Amino acid sequence: MLTAILADAFNLGLEKMAEACPATSLAKLAWLVAWHIRDESYAKSLTELVNAQHQLPFAAHWGEGTTSSSDGQRFRAGGHGESAGHRNAKYGSEPGVLFYTHLSDQYAPFYTKVINANVRDATHVLDGLLYHESQLRIEEHYTDTAGFTDHVFALFHPFGFEFAPRISDLADKRIYVPGKPADWPNLAPIIGGPLNLKLMEQQFDEYLRLVVSIKQGSVTASLILRKLASYPRQNSLAVAVREFGRVERSLFMLRYIRDPSIRHRISAGLAKGESRNALARAIFFHRLGEIRDRSYENQRYRASGLNLVIAAITMWNTVYLERAAAGLRERGTIDESLLRHVAPLGWNHIGLTGDYSWHANKRVAKGGYRPLRRPKQAESMLPAP
C-alpha cells in the first residue's frame, strides 16, 4: 500500500515503482490499486493526518486552524498526456493540468482536486471549504486575484465564511452603492455604479434556494459557479447573484483599503501556500513533474497521493519540531517568539529517491521517536568553509 501511494506521489507510476522496490512486482501493485486505491480511501487517510496534526500543541504556533488559503499548481502535460492537457492564456500555450489545493494556517493540506487549466480557480474555491472531512473549522479564506469573482463573494457569506482575496489590480476595481452614486461624494472616484436593489429583492427567494441546494448536497458549489458564469447577462438569477456579490465585494474592498492588517494576513496566508507548492515540486519529481496520464481518474490519484505525502511530511516535521523545541526549552536556549516562523515543510532530511525497501512479511510495529540530532552533530554535518 505504501509503495502504491508513493507511486502516485512521486509520479513514478506502477511499472517504475515496481523496479525501484525489490519486495514487490507490477502485478501485485496493479491488483492492490484495483481493489484498494480509491478517492474515498485517499480522502479518509488525509483526514486522519490533518486531524492528528491539528491536535498537536506545537501546531498552534502557526494558527488555530481557522484560516486557510487555496491555490492552483500547474503541472505540464507531456507524452501521452498532452492530448488530455488543457491550454490557458495565463500559463501559455503548453498543455497542462492544475492541482487545486486548500491549505490551513497550520500548513495542513486538507483538500485537493484536479481541475482543467482553462478553468478559473474561483470556480473551485468553495468546494474545499464545504466538502473537506477534517476537524478544521475554517472562518476566513484567502486566494489570489484569480480566485475571486462577484459570484464567489455572493456564495461565501451565506455559509458563514469570510472571503479575503488578494486584489492585485485594485486600482481598476470599482465598488457599487445603493441609491445614486451622487449620494456618496467621498467615494466618487471608486464608484462603478448603483446596485440593482429591485432585482435583488425579486430574486432573493431563488438565491436562497440556490444556497440551500448547495448546502444539502443536491449540487456542488463548483458546478453552480460554472453555470452562473456561463449564463447570458439576461438571466435574472445570474445577474441577481452578481449583485449580491457586489455588495460583499464592495464592503470587503473598503476594509481592504483601510485596514493594513487584512492585507498582511492575506499575504502571510498565501505565502504558506507557495511554500507548500515548493515541497510538492520536490516530491513530484519523475519526468520532471510532467503529467503523462490520460484519464482523469489517474490524474486524481496522482494529486491525492502527492497531497497525502505532503500531509505526512508536515505531520512528521511538526512532531519533531515540537520535540526539538522542548529540548531547547529545557536548556533555556530558545526564543518562543520565533517558533511561528519555522514552517514544517522542509525536506532536506527526507530521502525521496533511491530504492524503497519494506519489511514485506512483517507487521508494522508500534514505533518510537528517533533520536534528535545534538548541536555538535548538526555542526559536524555542515560543509567546511
Protein backbone atom coordinates (compact mmCIF):
# COMPACT_ATOMS: atom_id res chain seq x y z
CA MET A 1 0.00 0.00 0.00
CA LEU A 2 2.83 2.42 0.87
CA THR A 3 4.52 1.56 -2.41
CA ALA A 4 1.35 2.28 -4.41
CA ILE A 5 0.85 5.62 -2.65
CA LEU A 6 4.44 6.66 -3.35
CA ALA A 7 3.99 5.64 -7.00
CA ASP A 8 1.28 8.30 -7.23
CA ALA A 9 3.05 10.90 -5.09
CA PHE A 10 6.39 10.66 -6.92
CA ASN A 11 4.69 10.45 -10.35
CA LEU A 12 6.61 7.23 -10.98
CA GLY A 13 3.73 5.00 -11.98
CA LEU A 14 3.40 1.35 -11.05
CA GLU A 15 5.94 -0.03 -13.52
CA LYS A 16 8.80 2.23 -12.46
CA MET A 17 7.85 1.85 -8.80
CA ALA A 18 8.00 -1.94 -9.07
CA GLU A 19 11.53 -1.64 -10.45
CA ALA A 20 12.58 0.61 -7.54
CA CYS A 21 11.03 -1.60 -4.86
CA PRO A 22 12.62 -5.08 -4.66
CA ALA A 23 9.88 -6.57 -2.46
CA THR A 24 7.01 -6.15 -4.91
CA SER A 25 6.01 -6.63 -8.54
CA LEU A 26 3.96 -4.82 -11.13
CA ALA A 27 1.20 -7.45 -10.97
CA LYS A 28 0.93 -7.17 -7.21
CA LEU A 29 0.79 -3.37 -7.30
CA ALA A 30 -1.81 -3.38 -10.08
CA TRP A 31 -4.01 -5.79 -8.09
CA LEU A 32 -3.73 -3.67 -4.95
CA VAL A 33 -4.56 -0.43 -6.79
CA ALA A 34 -7.58 -2.02 -8.47
CA TRP A 35 -9.01 -3.20 -5.14
CA HIS A 36 -7.94 -0.64 -2.58
CA ILE A 37 -6.90 2.70 -4.11
CA ARG A 38 -9.97 4.92 -4.36
CA ASP A 39 -10.80 8.59 -3.90
CA GLU A 40 -12.62 7.74 -0.67
CA SER A 41 -9.58 5.93 0.74
CA TYR A 42 -7.29 8.85 -0.03
CA ALA A 43 -9.77 11.31 1.49
CA LYS A 44 -10.10 9.31 4.71
CA SER A 45 -6.33 8.89 5.06
CA LEU A 46 -5.80 12.62 4.51
CA THR A 47 -8.43 13.40 7.15
CA GLU A 48 -6.63 11.24 9.72
CA LEU A 49 -3.32 13.00 9.13
CA VAL A 50 -4.79 16.51 9.12
CA ASN A 51 -6.73 15.86 12.34
CA ALA A 52 -3.69 14.37 14.07
CA GLN A 53 -1.50 17.33 13.12
CA HIS A 54 -4.22 19.78 14.16
CA GLN A 55 -4.31 18.26 17.66
CA LEU A 56 -0.57 18.65 18.24
CA PRO A 57 0.12 21.56 20.63
CA PHE A 58 3.02 22.81 18.50
CA ALA A 59 0.73 23.44 15.51
CA ALA A 60 -0.91 26.28 17.46
CA HIS A 61 2.24 28.37 16.87
CA TRP A 62 1.18 28.77 13.22
CA GLY A 63 -2.54 29.32 13.76
CA GLU A 64 -5.69 27.95 15.27
CA GLY A 65 -6.86 26.11 12.16
CA THR A 66 -9.49 28.77 11.47
CA THR A 67 -8.00 30.36 8.35
CA SER A 68 -6.92 28.81 5.08
CA SER A 69 -5.75 29.61 1.58
CA SER A 70 -6.10 27.90 -1.77
CA ASP A 71 -4.11 27.99 -4.96
CA GLY A 72 -3.72 26.02 -8.16
CA GLN A 73 -0.38 24.45 -9.03
CA ARG A 74 0.13 23.73 -12.70
CA PHE A 75 1.86 20.61 -13.99
CA ARG A 76 2.70 20.36 -17.65
CA ALA A 77 1.19 17.53 -19.69
CA GLY A 78 3.77 15.57 -21.64
CA GLY A 79 3.88 12.42 -23.77
CA HIS A 80 0.53 10.66 -23.99
CA GLY A 81 -0.92 13.16 -21.52
CA GLU A 82 -0.66 16.05 -23.98
CA SER A 83 -3.92 15.00 -25.58
CA ALA A 84 -5.65 15.39 -22.20
CA GLY A 85 -3.96 18.65 -21.26
CA HIS A 86 -5.75 21.99 -21.48
CA ARG A 87 -4.31 25.30 -22.56
CA ASN A 88 -4.59 28.52 -20.60
CA ALA A 89 -3.73 32.08 -21.55
CA LYS A 90 -2.14 32.67 -18.13
CA TYR A 91 0.23 29.69 -18.40
CA GLY A 92 0.98 29.86 -22.11
CA SER A 93 0.17 27.53 -24.98
CA GLU A 94 1.69 24.39 -23.43
CA PRO A 95 -0.99 21.92 -22.24
CA GLY A 96 -1.25 21.03 -18.57
CA VAL A 97 -3.50 20.41 -15.57
CA LEU A 98 -3.93 22.15 -12.21
CA PHE A 99 -3.82 20.55 -8.79
CA TYR A 100 -6.00 22.90 -6.74
CA THR A 101 -5.21 22.60 -3.02
CA HIS A 102 -6.59 24.12 0.19
CA LEU A 103 -4.04 24.70 2.96
CA SER A 104 -4.85 25.57 6.58
CA ASP A 105 -2.93 28.16 8.59
CA GLN A 106 -1.23 25.18 10.31
CA TYR A 107 0.23 24.08 6.93
CA ALA A 108 -2.14 21.09 6.64
CA PRO A 109 -3.26 20.44 3.01
CA PHE A 110 -6.81 19.39 3.85
CA TYR A 111 -8.32 19.21 0.35
CA THR A 112 -7.14 18.82 -3.23
CA LYS A 113 -8.68 18.22 -6.64
CA VAL A 114 -7.65 18.21 -10.28
CA ILE A 115 -9.12 20.97 -12.42
CA ASN A 116 -8.72 21.91 -16.05
CA ALA A 117 -6.07 24.52 -16.68
CA ASN A 118 -8.52 26.57 -18.77
CA VAL A 119 -10.97 26.96 -15.85
CA ARG A 120 -10.62 29.89 -13.47
CA ASP A 121 -9.55 29.00 -9.93
CA ALA A 122 -12.52 30.85 -8.44
CA THR A 123 -14.89 28.14 -9.68
CA HIS A 124 -13.48 25.62 -7.17
CA VAL A 125 -12.73 27.76 -4.10
CA LEU A 126 -15.86 26.81 -2.15
CA ASP A 127 -15.56 23.06 -2.76
CA GLY A 128 -12.61 22.65 -0.42
CA LEU A 129 -14.32 24.54 2.39
CA LEU A 130 -17.63 22.71 2.09
CA TYR A 131 -16.54 19.16 1.32
CA HIS A 132 -13.41 18.51 3.36
CA GLU A 133 -13.83 15.93 6.13
CA SER A 134 -11.32 17.20 8.68
CA GLN A 135 -11.96 18.75 12.09
CA LEU A 136 -10.78 22.16 10.93
CA ARG A 137 -13.33 24.95 11.37
CA ILE A 138 -12.38 27.46 8.73
CA GLU A 139 -13.67 31.01 9.27
CA GLU A 140 -11.58 33.09 6.84
CA HIS A 141 -10.20 32.06 3.45
CA TYR A 142 -7.55 33.68 1.23
CA THR A 143 -6.96 33.43 -2.52
CA ASP A 144 -5.04 35.35 -5.14
CA THR A 145 -6.68 37.56 -7.77
CA ALA A 146 -7.64 34.58 -9.96
CA GLY A 147 -9.58 33.07 -7.06
CA PHE A 148 -12.47 35.50 -6.82
CA THR A 149 -15.47 36.73 -8.78
CA ASP A 150 -18.64 38.51 -7.71
CA HIS A 151 -20.49 35.18 -7.80
CA VAL A 152 -17.97 33.68 -5.36
CA PHE A 153 -18.41 36.61 -2.98
CA ALA A 154 -22.18 36.09 -3.14
CA LEU A 155 -21.97 32.43 -2.10
CA PHE A 156 -19.35 32.77 0.64
CA HIS A 157 -21.42 34.86 3.04
CA PRO A 158 -24.45 32.50 3.42
CA PHE A 159 -22.14 29.66 4.51
CA GLY A 160 -20.53 31.72 7.24
CA PHE A 161 -17.09 32.14 5.65
CA GLU A 162 -15.15 35.38 5.40
CA PHE A 163 -13.70 35.68 1.90
CA ALA A 164 -10.46 37.66 1.68
CA PRO A 165 -8.78 37.55 -1.75
CA ARG A 166 -5.63 39.44 -2.64
CA ILE A 167 -6.64 42.00 -5.28
CA SER A 168 -3.59 42.84 -7.36
CA ASP A 169 -5.50 45.10 -9.78
CA LEU A 170 -7.20 47.09 -7.01
CA ALA A 171 -6.83 50.40 -8.88
CA ASP A 172 -9.04 49.07 -11.68
CA LYS A 173 -11.78 47.72 -9.40
CA ARG A 174 -14.90 49.70 -8.52
CA ILE A 175 -17.43 49.45 -5.72
CA TYR A 176 -21.21 49.55 -6.08
CA VAL A 177 -23.50 51.53 -3.82
CA PRO A 178 -27.25 51.61 -3.04
CA GLY A 179 -29.10 54.57 -4.50
CA LYS A 180 -27.48 57.22 -6.65
CA PRO A 181 -23.67 57.46 -6.84
CA ALA A 182 -24.05 61.22 -6.27
CA ASP A 183 -25.23 60.45 -2.73
CA TRP A 184 -21.70 59.21 -1.91
CA PRO A 185 -19.44 62.12 -2.89
CA ASN A 186 -16.48 60.95 -0.78
CA LEU A 187 -16.40 57.63 -2.65
CA ALA A 188 -16.99 59.08 -6.13
CA PRO A 189 -13.53 58.13 -7.57
CA ILE A 190 -14.04 54.41 -6.90
CA ILE A 191 -17.79 54.03 -7.51
CA GLY A 192 -18.66 51.93 -10.54
CA GLY A 193 -22.43 52.34 -10.40
CA PRO A 194 -25.59 51.67 -8.37
CA LEU A 195 -26.78 48.30 -7.11
CA ASN A 196 -29.90 46.82 -8.70
CA LEU A 197 -31.85 46.54 -5.44
CA LYS A 198 -35.14 45.82 -7.19
CA LEU A 199 -33.75 42.75 -8.96
CA MET A 200 -32.09 41.54 -5.74
CA GLU A 201 -35.43 41.71 -3.93
CA GLN A 202 -37.24 39.89 -6.74
CA GLN A 203 -34.69 37.05 -6.91
CA PHE A 204 -33.98 36.74 -3.19
CA ASP A 205 -36.03 33.55 -2.76
CA GLU A 206 -34.30 31.94 -5.76
CA TYR A 207 -30.94 32.99 -4.35
CA LEU A 208 -31.76 31.27 -1.03
CA ARG A 209 -32.98 28.18 -2.89
CA LEU A 210 -29.65 28.05 -4.70
CA VAL A 211 -27.73 28.25 -1.42
CA VAL A 212 -29.85 25.52 0.19
CA SER A 213 -29.31 23.22 -2.81
CA ILE A 214 -25.55 23.52 -2.33
CA LYS A 215 -25.79 23.05 1.44
CA GLN A 216 -27.90 19.88 1.13
CA GLY A 217 -25.57 18.40 -1.48
CA SER A 218 -28.05 18.41 -4.34
CA VAL A 219 -25.42 20.16 -6.46
CA THR A 220 -21.78 21.10 -5.93
CA ALA A 221 -20.68 24.69 -5.49
CA SER A 222 -18.24 24.45 -8.41
CA LEU A 223 -20.99 23.30 -10.77
CA ILE A 224 -23.26 26.17 -9.74
CA LEU A 225 -20.49 28.73 -10.15
CA ARG A 226 -19.61 27.35 -13.58
CA LYS A 227 -23.26 27.52 -14.66
CA LEU A 228 -23.70 31.07 -13.34
CA ALA A 229 -20.60 32.22 -15.19
CA SER A 230 -21.83 30.71 -18.45
CA TYR A 231 -25.34 32.17 -18.28
CA PRO A 232 -26.07 35.14 -20.52
CA ARG A 233 -26.41 38.53 -18.90
CA GLN A 234 -30.14 38.45 -19.46
CA ASN A 235 -30.54 35.62 -16.94
CA SER A 236 -32.18 37.23 -13.91
CA LEU A 237 -30.81 34.85 -11.30
CA ALA A 238 -27.20 35.12 -12.54
CA VAL A 239 -27.44 38.92 -12.54
CA ALA A 240 -29.04 38.96 -9.08
CA VAL A 241 -26.31 36.70 -7.62
CA ARG A 242 -23.73 39.01 -9.14
CA GLU A 243 -25.42 41.97 -7.44
CA PHE A 244 -25.31 40.19 -4.06
CA GLY A 245 -21.64 39.53 -4.68
CA ARG A 246 -21.03 43.17 -5.49
CA VAL A 247 -22.39 44.11 -2.09
CA GLU A 248 -19.95 41.78 -0.33
CA ARG A 249 -17.03 42.73 -2.57
CA SER A 250 -17.64 46.46 -2.09
CA LEU A 251 -17.66 46.10 1.69
CA PHE A 252 -14.52 43.96 1.57
CA MET A 253 -12.68 46.42 -0.70
CA LEU A 254 -13.34 49.26 1.72
CA ARG A 255 -11.91 47.19 4.59
CA TYR A 256 -9.04 46.05 2.38
CA ILE A 257 -8.06 49.65 1.60
CA ARG A 258 -8.48 50.94 5.14
CA ASP A 259 -7.01 48.12 7.26
CA PRO A 260 -3.37 47.08 6.60
CA SER A 261 -3.70 44.06 8.91
CA ILE A 262 -6.09 42.42 6.42
CA ARG A 263 -3.54 42.76 3.66
CA HIS A 264 -0.82 41.35 5.92
CA ARG A 265 -2.94 38.33 6.86
CA ILE A 266 -3.75 37.61 3.24
CA SER A 267 -0.10 37.83 2.15
CA ALA A 268 1.02 35.61 5.02
CA GLY A 269 -1.65 33.01 4.24
CA LEU A 270 -0.79 32.88 0.53
CA ALA A 271 2.94 32.68 1.31
CA LYS A 272 2.27 29.41 3.17
CA GLY A 273 0.66 28.04 0.03
CA GLU A 274 3.70 28.99 -2.06
CA SER A 275 5.94 27.12 0.41
CA ARG A 276 3.73 24.09 0.10
CA ASN A 277 3.98 24.25 -3.70
CA ALA A 278 7.79 24.15 -3.48
CA LEU A 279 7.58 20.92 -1.46
CA ALA A 280 5.12 19.49 -3.97
CA ARG A 281 7.55 20.19 -6.82
CA ALA A 282 10.32 18.35 -4.96
CA ILE A 283 8.14 15.28 -4.31
CA PHE A 284 6.53 15.10 -7.75
CA PHE A 285 9.89 14.65 -9.43
CA HIS A 286 9.56 11.90 -12.04
CA ARG A 287 9.52 13.02 -15.65
CA LEU A 288 10.40 16.45 -14.26
CA GLY A 289 6.88 16.89 -12.95
CA GLU A 290 5.10 16.21 -16.24
CA ILE A 291 1.71 14.51 -16.21
CA ARG A 292 1.62 11.53 -18.56
CA ASP A 293 -1.76 10.11 -17.51
CA ARG A 294 -4.60 10.43 -19.97
CA SER A 295 -7.52 9.54 -17.71
CA TYR A 296 -8.97 11.98 -15.21
CA GLU A 297 -9.13 9.17 -12.63
CA ASN A 298 -5.38 8.55 -12.74
CA GLN A 299 -4.71 12.28 -12.54
CA ARG A 300 -6.88 12.45 -9.40
CA TYR A 301 -4.89 9.62 -7.85
CA ARG A 302 -1.64 11.46 -8.62
CA ALA A 303 -2.94 14.61 -6.92
CA SER A 304 -4.31 12.70 -3.91
CA GLY A 305 -1.13 10.66 -3.42
CA LEU A 306 1.00 13.79 -3.64
CA ASN A 307 -1.17 15.64 -1.15
CA LEU A 308 -1.19 12.69 1.26
CA VAL A 309 2.62 12.50 1.30
CA ILE A 310 2.83 16.27 1.85
CA ALA A 311 0.46 15.90 4.82
CA ALA A 312 2.61 13.06 6.18
CA ILE A 313 5.79 15.15 5.90
CA THR A 314 4.03 18.08 7.58
CA MET A 315 2.88 15.79 10.39
CA TRP A 316 6.35 14.28 10.83
CA ASN A 317 8.05 17.68 10.90
CA THR A 318 5.52 19.06 13.40
CA VAL A 319 6.15 16.16 15.78
CA TYR A 320 9.93 16.54 15.69
CA LEU A 321 9.90 20.34 15.76
CA GLU A 322 7.87 20.05 18.94
CA ARG A 323 10.41 17.67 20.48
CA ALA A 324 13.33 19.81 19.35
CA ALA A 325 11.73 22.92 20.83
CA ALA A 326 11.14 21.08 24.10
CA GLY A 327 14.81 20.11 24.24
CA LEU A 328 15.93 23.68 23.62
CA ARG A 329 13.42 24.91 26.18
CA GLU A 330 14.96 22.67 28.84
CA ARG A 331 18.36 24.19 28.17
CA GLY A 332 16.91 27.70 28.12
CA THR A 333 18.21 28.42 24.61
CA ILE A 334 15.02 29.16 22.71
CA ASP A 335 13.15 32.29 21.69
CA GLU A 336 9.47 31.36 21.77
CA SER A 337 8.51 34.27 19.51
CA LEU A 338 10.45 32.74 16.62
CA LEU A 339 8.66 29.38 16.58
CA ARG A 340 5.78 30.66 14.45
CA HIS A 341 8.29 31.42 11.68
CA VAL A 342 9.56 27.82 11.48
CA ALA A 343 7.49 26.05 8.81
CA PRO A 344 7.06 22.23 8.87
CA LEU A 345 7.71 21.93 5.14
CA GLY A 346 11.42 21.14 4.99
CA TRP A 347 12.50 18.00 3.13
CA ASN A 348 16.33 18.06 3.21
CA HIS A 349 16.26 15.29 5.82
CA ILE A 350 13.99 13.06 3.70
CA GLY A 351 15.35 10.71 1.05
CA LEU A 352 12.95 10.96 -1.87
CA THR A 353 14.93 8.97 -4.42
CA GLY A 354 16.60 5.56 -4.39
CA ASP A 355 15.37 2.03 -3.72
CA TYR A 356 12.33 1.69 -1.49
CA SER A 357 12.75 -1.32 0.80
CA TRP A 358 9.98 -2.53 3.09
CA HIS A 359 9.65 -5.43 5.52
CA ALA A 360 7.13 -7.21 3.34
CA ASN A 361 6.44 -10.11 5.71
CA LYS A 362 6.44 -8.13 8.93
CA ARG A 363 3.62 -6.22 10.52
CA VAL A 364 4.20 -2.59 11.32
CA ALA A 365 5.21 -2.48 14.98
CA LYS A 366 4.44 0.30 17.40
CA GLY A 367 7.15 2.79 16.67
CA GLY A 368 9.13 5.14 18.84
CA TYR A 369 10.74 8.50 18.36
CA ARG A 370 14.01 8.79 16.52
CA PRO A 371 16.85 10.42 18.47
CA LEU A 372 17.25 14.14 17.90
CA ARG A 373 20.45 15.49 16.44
CA ARG A 374 22.56 17.23 19.03
CA PRO A 375 24.00 20.66 18.21
CA LYS A 376 27.53 19.21 17.81
CA GLN A 377 26.21 16.54 15.44
CA ALA A 378 24.39 19.16 13.41
CA GLU A 379 27.51 21.33 13.20
CA SER A 380 29.63 18.37 12.07
CA MET A 381 27.26 17.83 9.13
CA LEU A 382 27.80 21.36 7.82
CA PRO A 383 30.19 21.75 4.85
CA ALA A 384 33.67 23.02 5.61
CA PRO A 385 34.24 26.74 4.95
